[in-house]
């Protein structure tokens, strides 16, 4: 059985963290329709992870800085998205 491996990158243009498993990347997409719902613009921005093929990243690949230095809470969000067990530690 082959073990799936997850790698993380920071998009230096936007600051979001993306993750890669195999030939797919989970990219956080800003939920524009949720901004200021009910006139409340004090809530934090909401992002939903969506997968795209690695080959579709195109020129945005240059802005990705691959790293292990990602907060555990963000790693766990990506791990749950990919169907992996969460990491223990600071959340």
PDB file of N, CA and C in Angstrom:
ATOM      1  N   UNK A   1       0.847  -1.187   0.000  1.00  0.00           N
ATOM      2  CA  UNK A   1       0.000   0.000   0.000  1.00  0.00           C
ATOM      3  C   UNK A   1       0.886   1.242   0.000  1.00  0.00           C
ATOM      4  N   UNK A   2       0.630   2.125  -0.905  1.00  0.00           N
ATOM      5  CA  UNK A   2       1.412   3.345  -1.021  1.00  0.00           C
ATOM      6  C   UNK A   2       0.852   4.408  -0.090  1.00  0.00           C
ATOM      7  N   UNK A   3       1.733   5.028   0.656  1.00  0.00           N
ATOM      8  CA  UNK A   3       1.324   6.071   1.603  1.00  0.00           C
ATOM      9  C   UNK A   3       1.200   7.404   0.884  1.00  0.00           C
ATOM     10  N   UNK A   4       0.092   8.087   1.115  1.00  0.00           N
ATOM     11  CA  UNK A   4      -0.096   9.411   0.504  1.00  0.00           C
ATOM     12  C   UNK A   4       0.710  10.433   1.284  1.00  0.00           C
ATOM     13  N   UNK A   5       1.331  11.342   0.556  1.00  0.00           N
ATOM     14  CA  UNK A   5       2.139  12.378   1.186  1.00  0.00           C
ATOM     15  C   UNK A   5       1.547  13.742   0.837  1.00  0.00           C
ATOM     16  N   UNK A   6       1.521  14.612   1.823  1.00  0.00           N
ATOM     17  CA  UNK A   6       0.992  15.952   1.629  1.00  0.00           C
ATOM     18  C   UNK A   6       2.143  16.949   1.762  1.00  0.00           C
ATOM     19  N   UNK A   7       2.189  17.916   0.864  1.00  0.00           N
ATOM     20  CA  UNK A   7       3.183  18.983   0.934  1.00  0.00           C
ATOM     21  C   UNK A   7       2.443  20.312   0.929  1.00  0.00           C
ATOM     22  N   UNK A   8       3.063  21.310   1.550  1.00  0.00           N
ATOM     23  CA  UNK A   8       2.424  22.608   1.728  1.00  0.00           C
ATOM     24  C   UNK A   8       3.246  23.707   1.062  1.00  0.00           C
ATOM     25  N   UNK A   9       2.542  24.717   0.585  1.00  0.00           N
ATOM     26  CA  UNK A   9       3.211  25.883   0.001  1.00  0.00           C
ATOM     27  C   UNK A   9       2.427  27.127   0.386  1.00  0.00           C
ATOM     28  N   UNK A  10       3.144  28.242   0.437  1.00  0.00           N
ATOM     29  CA  UNK A  10       2.509  29.538   0.672  1.00  0.00           C
ATOM     30  C   UNK A  10       2.519  30.288  -0.650  1.00  0.00           C
ATOM     31  N   UNK A  11       1.356  30.772  -1.048  1.00  0.00           N
ATOM     32  CA  UNK A  11       1.258  31.603  -2.246  1.00  0.00           C
ATOM     33  C   UNK A  11       1.773  32.986  -1.857  1.00  0.00           C
ATOM     34  N   UNK A  12       2.943  33.358  -2.351  1.00  0.00           N
ATOM     35  CA  UNK A  12       3.556  34.626  -1.944  1.00  0.00           C
ATOM     36  C   UNK A  12       2.790  35.834  -2.459  1.00  0.00           C
ATOM     37  N   UNK A  13       1.908  35.661  -3.436  1.00  0.00           N
ATOM     38  CA  UNK A  13       1.097  36.771  -3.931  1.00  0.00           C
ATOM     39  C   UNK A  13      -0.081  37.074  -3.005  1.00  0.00           C
ATOM     40  N   UNK A  14      -0.720  36.024  -2.460  1.00  0.00           N
ATOM     41  CA  UNK A  14      -1.917  36.227  -1.646  1.00  0.00           C
ATOM     42  C   UNK A  14      -1.739  35.857  -0.177  1.00  0.00           C
ATOM     43  N   UNK A  15      -0.736  35.032   0.126  1.00  0.00           N
ATOM     44  CA  UNK A  15      -0.507  34.617   1.505  1.00  0.00           C
ATOM     45  C   UNK A  15      -1.263  33.375   1.923  1.00  0.00           C
ATOM     46  N   UNK A  16      -2.077  32.793   1.043  1.00  0.00           N
ATOM     47  CA  UNK A  16      -2.825  31.593   1.413  1.00  0.00           C
ATOM     48  C   UNK A  16      -1.909  30.374   1.350  1.00  0.00           C
ATOM     49  N   UNK A  17      -2.272  29.355   2.122  1.00  0.00           N
ATOM     50  CA  UNK A  17      -1.524  28.104   2.145  1.00  0.00           C
ATOM     51  C   UNK A  17      -2.258  27.105   1.254  1.00  0.00           C
ATOM     52  N   UNK A  18      -1.518  26.485   0.352  1.00  0.00           N
ATOM     53  CA  UNK A  18      -2.064  25.437  -0.506  1.00  0.00           C
ATOM     54  C   UNK A  18      -1.398  24.128  -0.126  1.00  0.00           C
ATOM     55  N   UNK A  19      -2.031  23.017  -0.488  1.00  0.00           N
ATOM     56  CA  UNK A  19      -1.432  21.719  -0.223  1.00  0.00           C
ATOM     57  C   UNK A  19      -1.531  20.866  -1.482  1.00  0.00           C
ATOM     58  N   UNK A  20      -0.576  19.961  -1.595  1.00  0.00           N
ATOM     59  CA  UNK A  20      -0.532  19.083  -2.762  1.00  0.00           C
ATOM     60  C   UNK A  20      -0.496  17.633  -2.313  1.00  0.00           C
ATOM     61  N   UNK A  21      -1.320  16.831  -2.948  1.00  0.00           N
ATOM     62  CA  UNK A  21      -1.303  15.383  -2.775  1.00  0.00           C
ATOM     63  C   UNK A  21      -1.364  14.792  -4.176  1.00  0.00           C
ATOM     64  N   UNK A  22      -0.303  14.112  -4.552  1.00  0.00           N
ATOM     65  CA  UNK A  22      -0.246  13.524  -5.890  1.00  0.00           C
ATOM     66  C   UNK A  22      -0.306  14.594  -6.969  1.00  0.00           C
ATOM     67  N   UNK A  23      -1.215  14.443  -7.892  1.00  0.00           N
ATOM     68  CA  UNK A  23      -1.350  15.372  -9.011  1.00  0.00           C
ATOM     69  C   UNK A  23      -2.389  16.451  -8.797  1.00  0.00           C
ATOM     70  N   UNK A  24      -2.843  16.640  -7.534  1.00  0.00           N
ATOM     71  CA  UNK A  24      -3.858  17.660  -7.252  1.00  0.00           C
ATOM     72  C   UNK A  24      -3.369  18.628  -6.184  1.00  0.00           C
ATOM     73  N   UNK A  25      -3.870  19.838  -6.273  1.00  0.00           N
ATOM     74  CA  UNK A  25      -3.568  20.876  -5.280  1.00  0.00           C
ATOM     75  C   UNK A  25      -4.878  21.359  -4.684  1.00  0.00           C
ATOM     76  N   UNK A  26      -4.909  21.475  -3.352  1.00  0.00           N
ATOM     77  CA  UNK A  26      -6.060  22.072  -2.655  1.00  0.00           C
ATOM     78  C   UNK A  26      -5.746  23.556  -2.481  1.00  0.00           C
ATOM     79  N   UNK A  27      -6.573  24.391  -3.094  1.00  0.00           N
ATOM     80  CA  UNK A  27      -6.347  25.836  -3.097  1.00  0.00           C
ATOM     81  C   UNK A  27      -7.514  26.512  -2.389  1.00  0.00           C
ATOM     82  N   UNK A  28      -7.240  27.369  -1.393  1.00  0.00           N
ATOM     83  CA  UNK A  28      -8.325  28.081  -0.718  1.00  0.00           C
ATOM     84  C   UNK A  28      -8.936  29.140  -1.650  1.00  0.00           C
ATOM     85  N   UNK A  29     -10.244  29.079  -1.804  1.00  0.00           N
ATOM     86  CA  UNK A  29     -10.969  30.013  -2.661  1.00  0.00           C
ATOM     87  C   UNK A  29     -11.802  30.924  -1.773  1.00  0.00           C
ATOM     88  N   UNK A  30     -11.598  32.237  -1.912  1.00  0.00           N
ATOM     89  CA  UNK A  30     -12.344  33.204  -1.115  1.00  0.00           C
ATOM     90  C   UNK A  30     -13.830  33.131  -1.449  1.00  0.00           C
ATOM     91  N   UNK A  31     -14.660  33.051  -0.427  1.00  0.00           N
ATOM     92  CA  UNK A  31     -16.111  32.979  -0.594  1.00  0.00           C
ATOM     93  C   UNK A  31     -16.679  34.401  -0.631  1.00  0.00           C
ATOM     94  N   UNK A  32     -16.665  35.001  -1.808  1.00  0.00           N
ATOM     95  CA  UNK A  32     -17.078  36.394  -1.983  1.00  0.00           C
ATOM     96  C   UNK A  32     -18.515  36.635  -1.505  1.00  0.00           C
ATOM     97  N   UNK A  33     -19.392  35.670  -1.710  1.00  0.00           N
ATOM     98  CA  UNK A  33     -20.794  35.846  -1.332  1.00  0.00           C
ATOM     99  C   UNK A  33     -21.001  35.868   0.178  1.00  0.00           C
ATOM    100  N   UNK A  34     -19.994  35.510   0.974  1.00  0.00           N
ATOM    101  CA  UNK A  34     -20.106  35.500   2.431  1.00  0.00           C
ATOM    102  C   UNK A  34     -19.570  36.777   3.078  1.00  0.00           C
ATOM    103  N   UNK A  35     -18.947  37.640   2.302  1.00  0.00           N
ATOM    104  CA  UNK A  35     -18.372  38.869   2.849  1.00  0.00           C
ATOM    105  C   UNK A  35     -19.499  39.837   3.211  1.00  0.00           C
ATOM    106  N   UNK A  36     -19.534  40.257   4.450  1.00  0.00           N
ATOM    107  CA  UNK A  36     -20.500  41.250   4.905  1.00  0.00           C
ATOM    108  C   UNK A  36     -21.929  40.769   4.947  1.00  0.00           C
ATOM    109  N   UNK A  37     -22.154  39.468   5.095  1.00  0.00           N
ATOM    110  CA  UNK A  37     -23.512  38.943   5.161  1.00  0.00           C
ATOM    111  C   UNK A  37     -24.242  39.606   6.322  1.00  0.00           C
ATOM    112  N   UNK A  38     -25.410  40.133   6.065  1.00  0.00           N
ATOM    113  CA  UNK A  38     -26.205  40.804   7.092  1.00  0.00           C
ATOM    114  C   UNK A  38     -25.622  42.142   7.503  1.00  0.00           C
ATOM    115  N   UNK A  39     -24.742  42.701   6.684  1.00  0.00           N
ATOM    116  CA  UNK A  39     -24.151  43.996   6.992  1.00  0.00           C
ATOM    117  C   UNK A  39     -23.003  43.936   7.981  1.00  0.00           C
ATOM    118  N   UNK A  40     -22.583  42.726   8.353  1.00  0.00           N
ATOM    119  CA  UNK A  40     -21.499  42.569   9.322  1.00  0.00           C
ATOM    120  C   UNK A  40     -20.175  42.366   8.591  1.00  0.00           C
ATOM    121  N   UNK A  41     -19.401  43.422   8.488  1.00  0.00           N
ATOM    122  CA  UNK A  41     -18.122  43.357   7.801  1.00  0.00           C
ATOM    123  C   UNK A  41     -16.961  43.122   8.769  1.00  0.00           C
ATOM    124  N   UNK A  42     -17.266  42.758  10.024  1.00  0.00           N
ATOM    125  CA  UNK A  42     -16.216  42.517  11.006  1.00  0.00           C
ATOM    126  C   UNK A  42     -15.800  41.048  11.065  1.00  0.00           C
ATOM    127  N   UNK A  43     -16.574  40.174  10.442  1.00  0.00           N
ATOM    128  CA  UNK A  43     -16.251  38.751  10.464  1.00  0.00           C
ATOM    129  C   UNK A  43     -15.035  38.492   9.582  1.00  0.00           C
ATOM    130  N   UNK A  44     -14.222  37.498   9.961  1.00  0.00           N
ATOM    131  CA  UNK A  44     -13.059  37.162   9.127  1.00  0.00           C
ATOM    132  C   UNK A  44     -13.501  36.601   7.777  1.00  0.00           C
ATOM    133  N   UNK A  45     -12.628  36.729   6.800  1.00  0.00           N
ATOM    134  CA  UNK A  45     -12.918  36.202   5.471  1.00  0.00           C
ATOM    135  C   UNK A  45     -13.010  34.680   5.533  1.00  0.00           C
ATOM    136  N   UNK A  46     -13.889  34.111   4.717  1.00  0.00           N
ATOM    137  CA  UNK A  46     -14.067  32.663   4.674  1.00  0.00           C
ATOM    138  C   UNK A  46     -13.496  32.119   3.372  1.00  0.00           C
ATOM    139  N   UNK A  47     -12.770  31.011   3.506  1.00  0.00           N
ATOM    140  CA  UNK A  47     -12.190  30.336   2.349  1.00  0.00           C
ATOM    141  C   UNK A  47     -12.662  28.890   2.340  1.00  0.00           C
ATOM    142  N   UNK A  48     -12.882  28.349   1.153  1.00  0.00           N
ATOM    143  CA  UNK A  48     -13.212  26.934   0.990  1.00  0.00           C
ATOM    144  C   UNK A  48     -12.128  26.301   0.129  1.00  0.00           C
ATOM    145  N   UNK A  49     -11.660  25.134   0.536  1.00  0.00           N
ATOM    146  CA  UNK A  49     -10.638  24.434  -0.244  1.00  0.00           C
ATOM    147  C   UNK A  49     -11.275  23.746  -1.441  1.00  0.00           C
ATOM    148  N   UNK A  50     -10.637  23.913  -2.588  1.00  0.00           N
ATOM    149  CA  UNK A  50     -11.070  23.237  -3.808  1.00  0.00           C
ATOM    150  C   UNK A  50      -9.850  22.644  -4.476  1.00  0.00           C
ATOM    151  N   UNK A  51     -10.026  21.484  -5.102  1.00  0.00           N
ATOM    152  CA  UNK A  51      -8.891  20.847  -5.762  1.00  0.00           C
ATOM    153  C   UNK A  51      -8.819  21.259  -7.226  1.00  0.00           C
ATOM    154  N   UNK A  52      -7.586  21.392  -7.676  1.00  0.00           N
ATOM    155  CA  UNK A  52      -7.317  21.647  -9.079  1.00  0.00           C
ATOM    156  C   UNK A  52      -6.149  20.761  -9.486  1.00  0.00           C
ATOM    157  N   UNK A  53      -6.086  20.369 -10.735  1.00  0.00           N
ATOM    158  CA  UNK A  53      -4.930  19.576 -11.182  1.00  0.00           C
ATOM    159  C   UNK A  53      -3.660  20.420 -11.128  1.00  0.00           C
ATOM    160  N   UNK A  54      -2.552  19.792 -10.783  1.00  0.00           N
ATOM    161  CA  UNK A  54      -1.270  20.500 -10.703  1.00  0.00           C
ATOM    162  C   UNK A  54      -0.968  21.207 -12.020  1.00  0.00           C
ATOM    163  N   UNK A  55      -1.265  20.565 -13.126  1.00  0.00           N
ATOM    164  CA  UNK A  55      -0.962  21.146 -14.430  1.00  0.00           C
ATOM    165  C   UNK A  55      -1.786  22.392 -14.744  1.00  0.00           C
ATOM    166  N   UNK A  56      -2.857  22.637 -13.989  1.00  0.00           N
ATOM    167  CA  UNK A  56      -3.687  23.818 -14.212  1.00  0.00           C
ATOM    168  C   UNK A  56      -3.177  25.057 -13.489  1.00  0.00           C
ATOM    169  N   UNK A  57      -2.191  24.895 -12.650  1.00  0.00           N
ATOM    170  CA  UNK A  57      -1.688  26.022 -11.860  1.00  0.00           C
ATOM    171  C   UNK A  57      -1.025  27.060 -12.762  1.00  0.00           C
ATOM    172  N   UNK A  58      -0.363  26.612 -13.780  1.00  0.00           N
ATOM    173  CA  UNK A  58       0.239  27.519 -14.754  1.00  0.00           C
ATOM    174  C   UNK A  58       1.299  28.428 -14.152  1.00  0.00           C
ATOM    175  N   UNK A  59       1.240  29.714 -14.507  1.00  0.00           N
ATOM    176  CA  UNK A  59       2.261  30.669 -14.074  1.00  0.00           C
ATOM    177  C   UNK A  59       2.196  30.979 -12.583  1.00  0.00           C
ATOM    178  N   UNK A  60       1.091  30.623 -11.920  1.00  0.00           N
ATOM    179  CA  UNK A  60       0.977  30.845 -10.471  1.00  0.00           C
ATOM    180  C   UNK A  60       1.959  29.959  -9.707  1.00  0.00           C
ATOM    181  N   UNK A  61       2.490  28.923 -10.359  1.00  0.00           N
ATOM    182  CA  UNK A  61       3.442  28.021  -9.716  1.00  0.00           C
ATOM    183  C   UNK A  61       4.663  28.781  -9.205  1.00  0.00           C
ATOM    184  N   UNK A  62       5.078  29.823  -9.936  1.00  0.00           N
ATOM    185  CA  UNK A  62       6.267  30.598  -9.547  1.00  0.00           C
ATOM    186  C   UNK A  62       6.080  31.305  -8.212  1.00  0.00           C
ATOM    187  N   UNK A  63       4.845  31.595  -7.847  1.00  0.00           N
ATOM    188  CA  UNK A  63       4.568  32.307  -6.598  1.00  0.00           C
ATOM    189  C   UNK A  63       4.463  31.369  -5.396  1.00  0.00           C
ATOM    190  N   UNK A  64       4.570  30.062  -5.615  1.00  0.00           N
ATOM    191  CA  UNK A  64       4.444  29.109  -4.519  1.00  0.00           C
ATOM    192  C   UNK A  64       5.794  28.864  -3.859  1.00  0.00           C
ATOM    193  N   UNK A  65       5.824  29.061  -2.542  1.00  0.00           N
ATOM    194  CA  UNK A  65       7.024  28.802  -1.743  1.00  0.00           C
ATOM    195  C   UNK A  65       6.747  27.554  -0.911  1.00  0.00           C
ATOM    196  N   UNK A  66       7.354  26.433  -1.302  1.00  0.00           N
ATOM    197  CA  UNK A  66       7.114  25.150  -0.645  1.00  0.00           C
ATOM    198  C   UNK A  66       7.857  25.112   0.680  1.00  0.00           C
ATOM    199  N   UNK A  67       7.146  24.735   1.740  1.00  0.00           N
ATOM    200  CA  UNK A  67       7.701  24.798   3.085  1.00  0.00           C
ATOM    201  C   UNK A  67       7.017  23.792   4.008  1.00  0.00           C
ATOM    202  N   UNK A  68       7.682  23.483   5.104  1.00  0.00           N
ATOM    203  CA  UNK A  68       7.071  22.685   6.170  1.00  0.00           C
ATOM    204  C   UNK A  68       6.582  23.582   7.297  1.00  0.00           C
ATOM    205  N   UNK A  69       6.980  24.842   7.257  1.00  0.00           N
ATOM    206  CA  UNK A  69       6.678  25.782   8.340  1.00  0.00           C
ATOM    207  C   UNK A  69       5.293  26.397   8.154  1.00  0.00           C
ATOM    208  N   UNK A  70       4.287  25.599   8.473  1.00  0.00           N
ATOM    209  CA  UNK A  70       2.889  26.001   8.378  1.00  0.00           C
ATOM    210  C   UNK A  70       2.256  25.701   9.728  1.00  0.00           C
ATOM    211  N   UNK A  71       1.440  26.598  10.270  1.00  0.00           N
ATOM    212  CA  UNK A  71       0.791  26.331  11.564  1.00  0.00           C
ATOM    213  C   UNK A  71      -0.006  25.020  11.537  1.00  0.00           C
ATOM    214  N   UNK A  72       0.028  24.313  12.656  1.00  0.00           N
ATOM    215  CA  UNK A  72      -0.644  23.016  12.762  1.00  0.00           C
ATOM    216  C   UNK A  72      -2.134  23.136  12.458  1.00  0.00           C
ATOM    217  N   UNK A  73      -2.772  24.215  12.881  1.00  0.00           N
ATOM    218  CA  UNK A  73      -4.210  24.386  12.628  1.00  0.00           C
ATOM    219  C   UNK A  73      -4.500  24.415  11.129  1.00  0.00           C
ATOM    220  N   UNK A  74      -3.642  25.066  10.355  1.00  0.00           N
ATOM    221  CA  UNK A  74      -3.839  25.118   8.906  1.00  0.00           C
ATOM    222  C   UNK A  74      -3.524  23.763   8.282  1.00  0.00           C
ATOM    223  N   UNK A  75      -2.467  23.116   8.771  1.00  0.00           N
ATOM    224  CA  UNK A  75      -2.146  21.775   8.274  1.00  0.00           C
ATOM    225  C   UNK A  75      -3.320  20.833   8.508  1.00  0.00           C
ATOM    226  N   UNK A  76      -3.913  20.912   9.698  1.00  0.00           N
ATOM    227  CA  UNK A  76      -5.024  20.017  10.024  1.00  0.00           C
ATOM    228  C   UNK A  76      -6.239  20.280   9.141  1.00  0.00           C
ATOM    229  N   UNK A  77      -6.486  21.531   8.803  1.00  0.00           N
ATOM    230  CA  UNK A  77      -7.610  21.843   7.905  1.00  0.00           C
ATOM    231  C   UNK A  77      -7.395  21.167   6.552  1.00  0.00           C
ATOM    232  N   UNK A  78      -6.176  21.240   6.052  1.00  0.00           N
ATOM    233  CA  UNK A  78      -5.861  20.598   4.771  1.00  0.00           C
ATOM    234  C   UNK A  78      -5.909  19.081   4.897  1.00  0.00           C
ATOM    235  N   UNK A  79      -5.407  18.541   6.004  1.00  0.00           N
ATOM    236  CA  UNK A  79      -5.397  17.094   6.202  1.00  0.00           C
ATOM    237  C   UNK A  79      -6.825  16.544   6.250  1.00  0.00           C
ATOM    238  N   UNK A  80      -7.731  17.234   6.935  1.00  0.00           N
ATOM    239  CA  UNK A  80      -9.132  16.800   6.972  1.00  0.00           C
ATOM    240  C   UNK A  80      -9.713  16.833   5.562  1.00  0.00           C
ATOM    241  N   UNK A  81      -9.413  17.875   4.812  1.00  0.00           N
ATOM    242  CA  UNK A  81      -9.896  17.999   3.431  1.00  0.00           C
ATOM    243  C   UNK A  81      -9.447  16.803   2.584  1.00  0.00           C
ATOM    244  N   UNK A  82      -8.207  16.366   2.767  1.00  0.00           N
ATOM    245  CA  UNK A  82      -7.660  15.249   1.992  1.00  0.00           C
ATOM    246  C   UNK A  82      -8.036  13.890   2.585  1.00  0.00           C
ATOM    247  N   UNK A  83      -8.756  13.873   3.701  1.00  0.00           N
ATOM    248  CA  UNK A  83      -9.166  12.606   4.314  1.00  0.00           C
ATOM    249  C   UNK A  83      -8.069  11.944   5.126  1.00  0.00           C
ATOM    250  N   UNK A  84      -7.174  12.754   5.683  1.00  0.00           N
ATOM    251  CA  UNK A  84      -6.072  12.241   6.498  1.00  0.00           C
ATOM    252  C   UNK A  84      -6.331  12.544   7.974  1.00  0.00           C
ATOM    253  N   UNK A  85      -5.642  11.813   8.836  1.00  0.00           N
ATOM    254  CA  UNK A  85      -5.763  12.038  10.277  1.00  0.00           C
ATOM    255  C   UNK A  85      -5.112  13.373  10.646  1.00  0.00           C
ATOM    256  N   UNK A  86      -5.694  14.040  11.632  1.00  0.00           N
ATOM    257  CA  UNK A  86      -5.148  15.318  12.092  1.00  0.00           C
ATOM    258  C   UNK A  86      -3.862  15.080  12.897  1.00  0.00           C
ATOM    259  N   UNK A  87      -3.035  16.101  12.903  1.00  0.00           N
ATOM    260  CA  UNK A  87      -1.804  16.076  13.681  1.00  0.00           C
ATOM    261  C   UNK A  87      -2.096  16.497  15.105  1.00  0.00           C
ATOM    262  N   UNK A  88      -1.316  15.989  16.032  1.00  0.00           N
ATOM    263  CA  UNK A  88      -1.444  16.423  17.423  1.00  0.00           C
ATOM    264  C   UNK A  88      -0.520  17.600  17.638  1.00  0.00           C
ATOM    265  N   UNK A  89      -0.828  18.401  18.620  1.00  0.00           N
ATOM    266  CA  UNK A  89       0.024  19.557  18.908  1.00  0.00           C
ATOM    267  C   UNK A  89      -0.791  20.818  19.014  1.00  0.00           C
ATOM    268  N   UNK A  90      -0.108  21.954  18.921  1.00  0.00           N
ATOM    269  CA  UNK A  90      -0.771  23.247  19.042  1.00  0.00           C
ATOM    270  C   UNK A  90      -1.758  23.434  17.901  1.00  0.00           C
ATOM    271  N   UNK A  91      -2.973  23.795  18.274  1.00  0.00           N
ATOM    272  CA  UNK A  91      -4.010  23.979  17.252  1.00  0.00           C
ATOM    273  C   UNK A  91      -4.309  25.422  17.017  1.00  0.00           C
TER     274      UNK A  91
END
